[in-house]
Amino acid sequence: MQHYLLQASYTPEGWEALVKNPQNRFESIRPAVEKLGGKIEHGWLAFGEHDIVAILQMADNVGAAALAIAFAAGGALKSVKTTPLMSAEQGIEAMKKAATCGYRPAAAAGAHRA
């Protein structure tokens, strides 16, 4: 299972609905997450740029994208941001692959690389 950071912000209408009917939206979205093969590890309400922050486990990128699309299409959120997360070990493996992939940066005209 892959981990994802979910960040979302409510529209004024979304907040209005929650003020009129306070509820734990993490419990409300749990069935949709699970239907897509995922799990909510942690979820928080926040203030600042995002109103909701959650760590999800999803089976794959397709399921994570489907969830983000469904949330965005619902109309209660003005923004939904899903960020794939890597473990430190996965990050190190990516760094090792980067070192051997053969990429060379462009050099400015007249510049010489040592």
N, C-alpha and C. Protein backbone atom coordinates (compact mmCIF):
# COMPACT_ATOMS: atom_id res chain seq x y z
N MET A 1 0.85 -1.18 0.00
CA MET A 1 0.00 0.00 0.00
C MET A 1 0.89 1.24 0.00
N GLN A 2 0.47 2.21 -0.76
CA GLN A 2 1.19 3.47 -0.89
C GLN A 2 0.56 4.50 0.04
N HIS A 3 1.37 5.38 0.62
CA HIS A 3 0.87 6.45 1.47
C HIS A 3 0.69 7.74 0.67
N TYR A 4 -0.33 8.51 1.06
CA TYR A 4 -0.64 9.78 0.41
C TYR A 4 -0.98 10.81 1.48
N LEU A 5 -0.55 12.03 1.23
CA LEU A 5 -0.96 13.18 2.03
C LEU A 5 -2.13 13.83 1.32
N LEU A 6 -3.25 13.94 1.99
CA LEU A 6 -4.43 14.61 1.43
C LEU A 6 -4.61 15.94 2.15
N GLN A 7 -4.71 17.01 1.39
CA GLN A 7 -4.96 18.33 1.93
C GLN A 7 -6.16 18.90 1.19
N ALA A 8 -7.14 19.41 1.91
CA ALA A 8 -8.34 19.93 1.27
C ALA A 8 -8.84 21.15 2.01
N SER A 9 -9.57 21.98 1.28
CA SER A 9 -10.16 23.19 1.85
C SER A 9 -11.62 23.27 1.45
N TYR A 10 -12.47 23.60 2.42
CA TYR A 10 -13.90 23.72 2.17
C TYR A 10 -14.25 25.02 1.47
N THR A 11 -15.33 24.98 0.71
CA THR A 11 -15.94 26.20 0.17
C THR A 11 -16.71 26.85 1.32
N PRO A 12 -17.10 28.12 1.18
CA PRO A 12 -17.96 28.71 2.21
C PRO A 12 -19.26 27.90 2.39
N GLU A 13 -19.80 27.36 1.31
CA GLU A 13 -21.02 26.55 1.41
C GLU A 13 -20.76 25.25 2.17
N GLY A 14 -19.57 24.67 1.96
CA GLY A 14 -19.21 23.46 2.71
C GLY A 14 -19.14 23.73 4.20
N TRP A 15 -18.52 24.85 4.56
CA TRP A 15 -18.46 25.23 5.98
C TRP A 15 -19.84 25.52 6.53
N GLU A 16 -20.68 26.19 5.74
CA GLU A 16 -22.03 26.50 6.19
C GLU A 16 -22.79 25.21 6.52
N ALA A 17 -22.67 24.22 5.66
CA ALA A 17 -23.34 22.93 5.90
C ALA A 17 -22.82 22.27 7.17
N LEU A 18 -21.50 22.35 7.42
CA LEU A 18 -20.93 21.73 8.62
C LEU A 18 -21.30 22.49 9.89
N VAL A 19 -21.44 23.81 9.79
CA VAL A 19 -21.86 24.59 10.96
C VAL A 19 -23.31 24.24 11.32
N LYS A 20 -24.15 24.06 10.29
CA LYS A 20 -25.55 23.70 10.53
C LYS A 20 -25.69 22.27 11.04
N ASN A 21 -24.78 21.39 10.58
CA ASN A 21 -24.85 19.97 10.94
C ASN A 21 -23.43 19.46 11.21
N PRO A 22 -22.87 19.79 12.39
CA PRO A 22 -21.50 19.35 12.70
C PRO A 22 -21.37 17.83 12.63
N GLN A 23 -20.28 17.37 12.01
CA GLN A 23 -20.07 15.93 11.86
C GLN A 23 -18.60 15.63 11.60
N ASN A 24 -18.23 14.43 11.88
CA ASN A 24 -16.87 13.95 11.60
C ASN A 24 -16.85 13.45 10.15
N ARG A 25 -16.34 14.27 9.25
CA ARG A 25 -16.34 13.91 7.83
C ARG A 25 -15.39 12.75 7.53
N PHE A 26 -14.42 12.51 8.40
CA PHE A 26 -13.53 11.37 8.17
C PHE A 26 -14.32 10.07 8.23
N GLU A 27 -15.28 10.00 9.13
CA GLU A 27 -16.13 8.80 9.20
C GLU A 27 -17.06 8.74 7.99
N SER A 28 -17.46 9.89 7.48
CA SER A 28 -18.34 9.92 6.31
C SER A 28 -17.63 9.48 5.03
N ILE A 29 -16.34 9.78 4.92
CA ILE A 29 -15.61 9.41 3.70
C ILE A 29 -14.97 8.03 3.79
N ARG A 30 -14.93 7.46 5.00
CA ARG A 30 -14.28 6.16 5.18
C ARG A 30 -14.81 5.09 4.22
N PRO A 31 -16.12 4.95 4.00
CA PRO A 31 -16.60 3.92 3.06
C PRO A 31 -16.07 4.12 1.64
N ALA A 32 -16.00 5.35 1.18
CA ALA A 32 -15.48 5.61 -0.18
C ALA A 32 -14.00 5.25 -0.26
N VAL A 33 -13.24 5.62 0.76
CA VAL A 33 -11.81 5.29 0.79
C VAL A 33 -11.64 3.77 0.76
N GLU A 34 -12.39 3.07 1.60
CA GLU A 34 -12.27 1.61 1.68
C GLU A 34 -12.74 0.93 0.41
N LYS A 35 -13.76 1.47 -0.24
CA LYS A 35 -14.25 0.88 -1.50
C LYS A 35 -13.17 0.95 -2.58
N LEU A 36 -12.31 1.97 -2.50
CA LEU A 36 -11.21 2.11 -3.45
C LEU A 36 -9.96 1.38 -2.98
N GLY A 37 -10.09 0.55 -1.96
CA GLY A 37 -8.97 -0.26 -1.48
C GLY A 37 -8.05 0.47 -0.52
N GLY A 38 -8.53 1.55 0.08
CA GLY A 38 -7.67 2.35 0.94
C GLY A 38 -8.05 2.32 2.40
N LYS A 39 -7.31 3.12 3.16
CA LYS A 39 -7.49 3.20 4.60
C LYS A 39 -7.10 4.60 5.05
N ILE A 40 -7.88 5.19 5.95
CA ILE A 40 -7.51 6.47 6.55
C ILE A 40 -6.63 6.16 7.76
N GLU A 41 -5.36 6.53 7.70
CA GLU A 41 -4.48 6.30 8.84
C GLU A 41 -4.69 7.34 9.92
N HIS A 42 -4.72 8.61 9.52
CA HIS A 42 -4.91 9.72 10.45
C HIS A 42 -5.61 10.84 9.71
N GLY A 43 -6.39 11.61 10.42
CA GLY A 43 -7.04 12.78 9.82
C GLY A 43 -7.19 13.88 10.84
N TRP A 44 -7.01 15.09 10.40
CA TRP A 44 -7.09 16.25 11.28
C TRP A 44 -7.83 17.39 10.60
N LEU A 45 -8.53 18.18 11.38
CA LEU A 45 -8.99 19.48 10.93
C LEU A 45 -7.85 20.44 11.22
N ALA A 46 -7.72 21.44 10.37
CA ALA A 46 -6.61 22.38 10.52
C ALA A 46 -7.12 23.78 10.21
N PHE A 47 -6.32 24.77 10.50
CA PHE A 47 -6.63 26.11 10.03
C PHE A 47 -5.39 26.67 9.37
N GLY A 48 -5.59 27.54 8.43
CA GLY A 48 -4.51 28.03 7.59
C GLY A 48 -4.89 27.77 6.15
N GLU A 49 -3.92 27.35 5.35
CA GLU A 49 -4.17 27.14 3.93
C GLU A 49 -5.16 26.00 3.67
N HIS A 50 -5.11 24.95 4.48
CA HIS A 50 -5.97 23.78 4.29
C HIS A 50 -6.82 23.55 5.53
N ASP A 51 -8.04 23.09 5.32
CA ASP A 51 -8.97 22.81 6.41
C ASP A 51 -8.89 21.38 6.90
N ILE A 52 -8.47 20.48 6.00
CA ILE A 52 -8.37 19.06 6.30
C ILE A 52 -7.00 18.57 5.89
N VAL A 53 -6.38 17.78 6.75
CA VAL A 53 -5.11 17.12 6.44
C VAL A 53 -5.27 15.66 6.86
N ALA A 54 -4.90 14.75 5.97
CA ALA A 54 -5.03 13.33 6.29
C ALA A 54 -3.89 12.55 5.67
N ILE A 55 -3.55 11.45 6.31
CA ILE A 55 -2.62 10.47 5.76
C ILE A 55 -3.46 9.25 5.40
N LEU A 56 -3.43 8.91 4.12
CA LEU A 56 -4.18 7.78 3.61
C LEU A 56 -3.24 6.71 3.10
N GLN A 57 -3.68 5.47 3.19
CA GLN A 57 -3.04 4.38 2.47
C GLN A 57 -3.99 4.02 1.33
N MET A 58 -3.46 3.98 0.12
CA MET A 58 -4.26 3.59 -1.03
C MET A 58 -3.50 2.50 -1.78
N ALA A 59 -4.23 1.65 -2.47
CA ALA A 59 -3.61 0.54 -3.19
C ALA A 59 -2.72 1.03 -4.32
N ASP A 60 -3.12 2.13 -4.97
CA ASP A 60 -2.34 2.62 -6.11
C ASP A 60 -2.73 4.05 -6.45
N ASN A 61 -2.03 4.63 -7.42
CA ASN A 61 -2.29 6.00 -7.85
C ASN A 61 -3.68 6.17 -8.45
N VAL A 62 -4.18 5.15 -9.12
CA VAL A 62 -5.50 5.24 -9.74
C VAL A 62 -6.57 5.42 -8.67
N GLY A 63 -6.50 4.63 -7.62
CA GLY A 63 -7.46 4.77 -6.52
C GLY A 63 -7.33 6.11 -5.82
N ALA A 64 -6.11 6.58 -5.60
CA ALA A 64 -5.90 7.89 -4.97
C ALA A 64 -6.46 9.01 -5.85
N ALA A 65 -6.22 8.91 -7.16
CA ALA A 65 -6.75 9.92 -8.08
C ALA A 65 -8.27 9.88 -8.12
N ALA A 66 -8.85 8.69 -8.13
CA ALA A 66 -10.30 8.56 -8.15
C ALA A 66 -10.92 9.21 -6.92
N LEU A 67 -10.31 9.02 -5.78
CA LEU A 67 -10.80 9.63 -4.55
C LEU A 67 -10.72 11.15 -4.63
N ALA A 68 -9.60 11.68 -5.09
CA ALA A 68 -9.44 13.13 -5.21
C ALA A 68 -10.45 13.70 -6.20
N ILE A 69 -10.68 13.01 -7.30
CA ILE A 69 -11.65 13.46 -8.30
C ILE A 69 -13.06 13.47 -7.70
N ALA A 70 -13.42 12.41 -6.98
CA ALA A 70 -14.74 12.35 -6.36
C ALA A 70 -14.92 13.48 -5.35
N PHE A 71 -13.88 13.74 -4.55
CA PHE A 71 -13.96 14.84 -3.58
C PHE A 71 -14.13 16.18 -4.29
N ALA A 72 -13.34 16.40 -5.33
CA ALA A 72 -13.41 17.67 -6.06
C ALA A 72 -14.76 17.84 -6.74
N ALA A 73 -15.32 16.75 -7.26
CA ALA A 73 -16.60 16.82 -7.97
C ALA A 73 -17.78 17.02 -7.04
N GLY A 74 -17.59 16.75 -5.75
CA GLY A 74 -18.68 16.85 -4.79
C GLY A 74 -19.18 18.27 -4.56
N GLY A 75 -18.30 19.26 -4.75
CA GLY A 75 -18.71 20.65 -4.61
C GLY A 75 -18.51 21.28 -3.25
N ALA A 76 -18.25 20.51 -2.21
CA ALA A 76 -18.07 21.08 -0.87
C ALA A 76 -16.65 21.57 -0.63
N LEU A 77 -15.72 21.17 -1.51
CA LEU A 77 -14.33 21.55 -1.35
C LEU A 77 -13.90 22.50 -2.46
N LYS A 78 -13.13 23.54 -2.09
CA LYS A 78 -12.61 24.45 -3.12
C LYS A 78 -11.26 23.99 -3.62
N SER A 79 -10.58 23.13 -2.87
CA SER A 79 -9.31 22.57 -3.35
C SER A 79 -9.07 21.22 -2.70
N VAL A 80 -8.45 20.34 -3.48
CA VAL A 80 -8.04 19.02 -3.02
C VAL A 80 -6.65 18.78 -3.56
N LYS A 81 -5.72 18.47 -2.69
CA LYS A 81 -4.34 18.21 -3.09
C LYS A 81 -3.93 16.84 -2.54
N THR A 82 -3.48 15.97 -3.42
CA THR A 82 -3.04 14.63 -3.03
C THR A 82 -1.57 14.50 -3.39
N THR A 83 -0.75 14.19 -2.40
CA THR A 83 0.69 14.08 -2.60
C THR A 83 1.15 12.66 -2.27
N PRO A 84 1.73 11.94 -3.24
CA PRO A 84 2.29 10.63 -2.93
C PRO A 84 3.47 10.79 -1.96
N LEU A 85 3.57 9.90 -1.00
CA LEU A 85 4.64 9.95 -0.02
C LEU A 85 5.56 8.74 -0.18
N MET A 86 6.84 8.96 0.08
CA MET A 86 7.82 7.86 0.04
C MET A 86 8.46 7.71 1.41
N SER A 87 8.80 6.50 1.76
CA SER A 87 9.55 6.27 2.98
C SER A 87 10.98 6.76 2.77
N ALA A 88 11.73 6.90 3.84
CA ALA A 88 13.14 7.30 3.72
C ALA A 88 13.90 6.28 2.87
N GLU A 89 13.58 5.01 3.04
CA GLU A 89 14.25 3.97 2.27
C GLU A 89 13.95 4.10 0.77
N GLN A 90 12.71 4.39 0.43
CA GLN A 90 12.35 4.60 -0.97
C GLN A 90 13.06 5.83 -1.53
N GLY A 91 13.17 6.87 -0.72
CA GLY A 91 13.88 8.07 -1.14
C GLY A 91 15.34 7.80 -1.43
N ILE A 92 15.98 7.00 -0.59
CA ILE A 92 17.39 6.64 -0.80
C ILE A 92 17.54 5.83 -2.08
N GLU A 93 16.62 4.90 -2.31
CA GLU A 93 16.65 4.11 -3.54
C GLU A 93 16.51 5.02 -4.77
N ALA A 94 15.62 6.01 -4.68
CA ALA A 94 15.46 6.97 -5.79
C ALA A 94 16.75 7.76 -6.01
N MET A 95 17.41 8.16 -4.93
CA MET A 95 18.68 8.89 -5.05
C MET A 95 19.74 8.04 -5.73
N LYS A 96 19.79 6.76 -5.37
CA LYS A 96 20.76 5.86 -5.99
C LYS A 96 20.48 5.70 -7.48
N LYS A 97 19.21 5.56 -7.84
CA LYS A 97 18.86 5.44 -9.26
C LYS A 97 19.16 6.73 -10.01
N ALA A 98 18.94 7.86 -9.37
CA ALA A 98 19.24 9.15 -10.00
C ALA A 98 20.72 9.26 -10.33
N ALA A 99 21.57 8.73 -9.45
CA ALA A 99 23.02 8.81 -9.65
C ALA A 99 23.48 7.98 -10.84
N THR A 100 22.69 6.99 -11.24
CA THR A 100 23.13 6.09 -12.32
C THR A 100 22.26 6.18 -13.57
N CYS A 101 21.35 7.13 -13.65
CA CYS A 101 20.42 7.17 -14.78
C CYS A 101 21.02 7.78 -16.04
N GLY A 102 22.15 8.46 -15.94
CA GLY A 102 22.79 9.01 -17.12
C GLY A 102 22.40 10.43 -17.47
N TYR A 103 21.57 11.06 -16.67
CA TYR A 103 21.17 12.45 -16.94
C TYR A 103 22.36 13.38 -16.78
N ARG A 104 22.48 14.33 -17.71
CA ARG A 104 23.51 15.37 -17.62
C ARG A 104 22.81 16.72 -17.78
N PRO A 105 23.06 17.66 -16.87
CA PRO A 105 22.43 18.97 -17.00
C PRO A 105 22.98 19.73 -18.20
N ALA A 106 22.18 20.62 -18.74
CA ALA A 106 22.61 21.46 -19.85
C ALA A 106 23.71 22.39 -19.35
N ALA A 107 24.72 22.62 -20.18
CA ALA A 107 25.80 23.52 -19.81
C ALA A 107 25.61 24.82 -20.60
N ALA A 108 25.90 25.93 -19.96
CA ALA A 108 25.80 27.23 -20.64
C ALA A 108 26.85 27.27 -21.75
N ALA A 109 26.57 28.04 -22.82
CA ALA A 109 27.51 28.17 -23.92
C ALA A 109 28.85 28.67 -23.41
N GLY A 110 29.91 28.03 -23.79
CA GLY A 110 31.26 28.42 -23.38
C GLY A 110 31.66 27.89 -22.02
N ALA A 111 30.72 27.31 -21.29
CA ALA A 111 31.06 26.77 -19.97
C ALA A 111 31.63 25.37 -20.14
N HIS A 112 32.57 25.04 -19.35
CA HIS A 112 33.17 23.71 -19.40
C HIS A 112 32.97 23.04 -18.05
N ARG A 113 32.61 21.79 -18.12
CA ARG A 113 32.46 21.01 -16.88
C ARG A 113 33.73 20.25 -16.63
N ALA A 114 34.08 20.17 -15.39
CA ALA A 114 35.29 19.43 -15.02
C ALA A 114 34.96 17.97 -14.82
